Amino acid sequence: MLSLEQLALYRGSTPRQLAADLLARELQSVEIERETWQKWQLLTEREQQVAALICLQYRTQQIATRLQIAPETVRSHVHNILNKLGLPNRIALRQLLADWDFSHWE
């Protein structure tokens, strides 16, 4: 395992600067997680279900069948989810929530 000193040397930095950079990166990551959680809370329960199933690689028809709703309704939920989270598409949704565990939604 690398030490802070070894990693700093490898990166061409000082241990102090490397520690500051790592801390800043982690704080930014925590802030993104907090903002994502706040946006998630804005989704309705049904939108959360749809988002979870999207992250589990379900397709529109599969989501519709599972939730017993029309595919058009799924598309409407997807549109609302993407708007509320400020995302362009399902891929971005999956990337944003890649570290979340949706296994209990299956």
C-alpha atoms as a PDB file:
ATOM      1  CA  MET A   1       0.000   0.000   0.000  1.00  0.00           C
ATOM      2  CA  LEU A   2       1.299   3.443  -0.923  1.00  0.00           C
ATOM      3  CA  SER A   3       1.916   6.037   1.738  1.00  0.00           C
ATOM      4  CA  LEU A   4       0.870   9.647   1.367  1.00  0.00           C
ATOM      5  CA  GLU A   5       4.519  10.579   0.877  1.00  0.00           C
ATOM      6  CA  GLN A   6       5.011   7.984  -1.865  1.00  0.00           C
ATOM      7  CA  LEU A   7       1.834   9.014  -3.638  1.00  0.00           C
ATOM      8  CA  ALA A   8       2.788  12.687  -3.438  1.00  0.00           C
ATOM      9  CA  LEU A   9       6.188  11.902  -4.912  1.00  0.00           C
ATOM     10  CA  TYR A  10       4.545   9.892  -7.695  1.00  0.00           C
ATOM     11  CA  ARG A  11       2.141  12.775  -8.422  1.00  0.00           C
ATOM     12  CA  GLY A  12       4.937  15.362  -8.292  1.00  0.00           C
ATOM     13  CA  SER A  13       3.369  17.066  -5.296  1.00  0.00           C
ATOM     14  CA  THR A  14       3.966  17.514  -1.608  1.00  0.00           C
ATOM     15  CA  PRO A  15       2.182  15.371   0.974  1.00  0.00           C
ATOM     16  CA  ARG A  16       0.456  18.505   2.296  1.00  0.00           C
ATOM     17  CA  GLN A  17      -0.799  19.565  -1.129  1.00  0.00           C
ATOM     18  CA  LEU A  18      -1.852  16.042  -2.014  1.00  0.00           C
ATOM     19  CA  ALA A  19      -3.794  15.740   1.262  1.00  0.00           C
ATOM     20  CA  ALA A  20      -5.507  19.074   0.556  1.00  0.00           C
ATOM     21  CA  ASP A  21      -6.386  17.950  -2.980  1.00  0.00           C
ATOM     22  CA  LEU A  22      -7.753  14.614  -1.766  1.00  0.00           C
ATOM     23  CA  LEU A  23      -9.820  16.303   0.923  1.00  0.00           C
ATOM     24  CA  ALA A  24     -11.221  18.839  -1.554  1.00  0.00           C
ATOM     25  CA  ARG A  25     -12.142  16.036  -3.952  1.00  0.00           C
ATOM     26  CA  GLU A  26     -13.868  14.067  -1.198  1.00  0.00           C
ATOM     27  CA  LEU A  27     -15.791  17.122   0.025  1.00  0.00           C
ATOM     28  CA  GLN A  28     -16.965  17.767  -3.532  1.00  0.00           C
ATOM     29  CA  SER A  29     -18.052  14.134  -3.821  1.00  0.00           C
ATOM     30  CA  VAL A  30     -20.025  14.354  -0.567  1.00  0.00           C
ATOM     31  CA  GLU A  31     -21.709  17.543  -1.767  1.00  0.00           C
ATOM     32  CA  ILE A  32     -22.742  15.871  -5.026  1.00  0.00           C
ATOM     33  CA  GLU A  33     -24.139  12.915  -3.061  1.00  0.00           C
ATOM     34  CA  ARG A  34     -26.092  15.300  -0.813  1.00  0.00           C
ATOM     35  CA  GLU A  35     -27.514  17.203  -3.778  1.00  0.00           C
ATOM     36  CA  THR A  36     -28.427  13.954  -5.524  1.00  0.00           C
ATOM     37  CA  TRP A  37     -30.223  12.695  -2.406  1.00  0.00           C
ATOM     38  CA  GLN A  38     -32.157  15.978  -2.122  1.00  0.00           C
ATOM     39  CA  LYS A  39     -33.235  15.700  -5.767  1.00  0.00           C
ATOM     40  CA  TRP A  40     -34.181  12.043  -5.239  1.00  0.00           C
ATOM     41  CA  GLN A  41     -36.491  13.128  -2.432  1.00  0.00           C
ATOM     42  CA  LEU A  42     -38.326  15.379  -4.918  1.00  0.00           C
ATOM     43  CA  LEU A  43     -39.344  12.339  -6.976  1.00  0.00           C
ATOM     44  CA  THR A  44     -42.707  10.777  -6.313  1.00  0.00           C
ATOM     45  CA  GLU A  45     -42.762   7.219  -5.014  1.00  0.00           C
ATOM     46  CA  ARG A  46     -43.682   5.957  -8.488  1.00  0.00           C
ATOM     47  CA  GLU A  47     -40.897   7.990 -10.098  1.00  0.00           C
ATOM     48  CA  GLN A  48     -38.447   6.481  -7.604  1.00  0.00           C
ATOM     49  CA  GLN A  49     -39.676   3.004  -8.563  1.00  0.00           C
ATOM     50  CA  VAL A  50     -39.224   3.749 -12.255  1.00  0.00           C
ATOM     51  CA  ALA A  51     -35.777   5.278 -11.684  1.00  0.00           C
ATOM     52  CA  ALA A  52     -34.693   2.253  -9.650  1.00  0.00           C
ATOM     53  CA  LEU A  53     -35.856  -0.133 -12.368  1.00  0.00           C
ATOM     54  CA  ILE A  54     -34.044   1.906 -15.011  1.00  0.00           C
ATOM     55  CA  CYS A  55     -30.872   1.609 -12.936  1.00  0.00           C
ATOM     56  CA  LEU A  56     -31.484  -2.146 -12.804  1.00  0.00           C
ATOM     57  CA  GLN A  57     -31.438  -2.157 -16.633  1.00  0.00           C
ATOM     58  CA  TYR A  58     -35.187  -2.654 -17.101  1.00  0.00           C
ATOM     59  CA  ARG A  59     -36.612  -1.402 -20.396  1.00  0.00           C
ATOM     60  CA  THR A  60     -39.814   0.603 -20.795  1.00  0.00           C
ATOM     61  CA  GLN A  61     -42.033  -2.385 -21.546  1.00  0.00           C
ATOM     62  CA  GLN A  62     -40.540  -4.394 -18.675  1.00  0.00           C
ATOM     63  CA  ILE A  63     -41.150  -1.507 -16.258  1.00  0.00           C
ATOM     64  CA  ALA A  64     -44.718  -1.119 -17.527  1.00  0.00           C
ATOM     65  CA  THR A  65     -45.409  -4.814 -17.057  1.00  0.00           C
ATOM     66  CA  ARG A  66     -43.821  -4.940 -13.610  1.00  0.00           C
ATOM     67  CA  LEU A  67     -45.671  -1.852 -12.347  1.00  0.00           C
ATOM     68  CA  GLN A  68     -48.866  -2.650 -14.256  1.00  0.00           C
ATOM     69  CA  ILE A  69     -48.949   0.699 -16.031  1.00  0.00           C
ATOM     70  CA  ALA A  70     -48.942   1.698 -19.691  1.00  0.00           C
ATOM     71  CA  PRO A  71     -45.602   2.178 -21.488  1.00  0.00           C
ATOM     72  CA  GLU A  72     -46.663   5.772 -22.184  1.00  0.00           C
ATOM     73  CA  THR A  73     -46.998   6.317 -18.442  1.00  0.00           C
ATOM     74  CA  VAL A  74     -43.490   4.937 -17.939  1.00  0.00           C
ATOM     75  CA  ARG A  75     -42.187   7.355 -20.574  1.00  0.00           C
ATOM     76  CA  SER A  76     -43.956  10.211 -18.803  1.00  0.00           C
ATOM     77  CA  HIS A  77     -42.368   9.214 -15.495  1.00  0.00           C
ATOM     78  CA  VAL A  78     -38.955   8.972 -17.159  1.00  0.00           C
ATOM     79  CA  HIS A  79     -39.390  12.457 -18.625  1.00  0.00           C
ATOM     80  CA  ASN A  80     -40.290  13.846 -15.181  1.00  0.00           C
ATOM     81  CA  ILE A  81     -37.397  12.022 -13.491  1.00  0.00           C
ATOM     82  CA  LEU A  82     -34.852  13.343 -15.959  1.00  0.00           C
ATOM     83  CA  ASN A  83     -36.224  16.886 -15.647  1.00  0.00           C
ATOM     84  CA  LYS A  84     -36.216  16.825 -11.845  1.00  0.00           C
ATOM     85  CA  LEU A  85     -32.673  15.453 -11.712  1.00  0.00           C
ATOM     86  CA  GLY A  86     -31.431  17.702 -14.522  1.00  0.00           C
ATOM     87  CA  LEU A  87     -30.246  14.803 -16.662  1.00  0.00           C
ATOM     88  CA  PRO A  88     -30.301  14.341 -20.444  1.00  0.00           C
ATOM     89  CA  ASN A  89     -31.081  10.620 -20.624  1.00  0.00           C
ATOM     90  CA  ARG A  90     -31.333   7.239 -18.911  1.00  0.00           C
ATOM     91  CA  ILE A  91     -27.621   6.601 -19.301  1.00  0.00           C
ATOM     92  CA  ALA A  92     -26.850   9.720 -17.270  1.00  0.00           C
ATOM     93  CA  LEU A  93     -29.356   8.536 -14.644  1.00  0.00           C
ATOM     94  CA  ARG A  94     -27.609   5.175 -14.396  1.00  0.00           C
ATOM     95  CA  GLN A  95     -24.237   6.906 -14.122  1.00  0.00           C
ATOM     96  CA  LEU A  96     -25.441   9.312 -11.440  1.00  0.00           C
ATOM     97  CA  LEU A  97     -26.869   6.516  -9.314  1.00  0.00           C
ATOM     98  CA  ALA A  98     -24.294   3.847 -10.196  1.00  0.00           C
ATOM     99  CA  ASP A  99     -23.178   3.458  -6.570  1.00  0.00           C
ATOM    100  CA  TRP A 100     -26.716   3.099  -5.216  1.00  0.00           C
ATOM    101  CA  ASP A 101     -28.033  -0.342  -4.305  1.00  0.00           C
ATOM    102  CA  PHE A 102     -31.410  -0.930  -5.926  1.00  0.00           C
ATOM    103  CA  SER A 103     -31.456  -4.700  -5.390  1.00  0.00           C
ATOM    104  CA  HIS A 104     -34.431  -4.454  -3.012  1.00  0.00           C
ATOM    105  CA  TRP A 105     -36.499  -2.921  -5.844  1.00  0.00           C
ATOM    106  CA  GLU A 106     -36.343  -6.123  -7.909  1.00  0.00           C
END
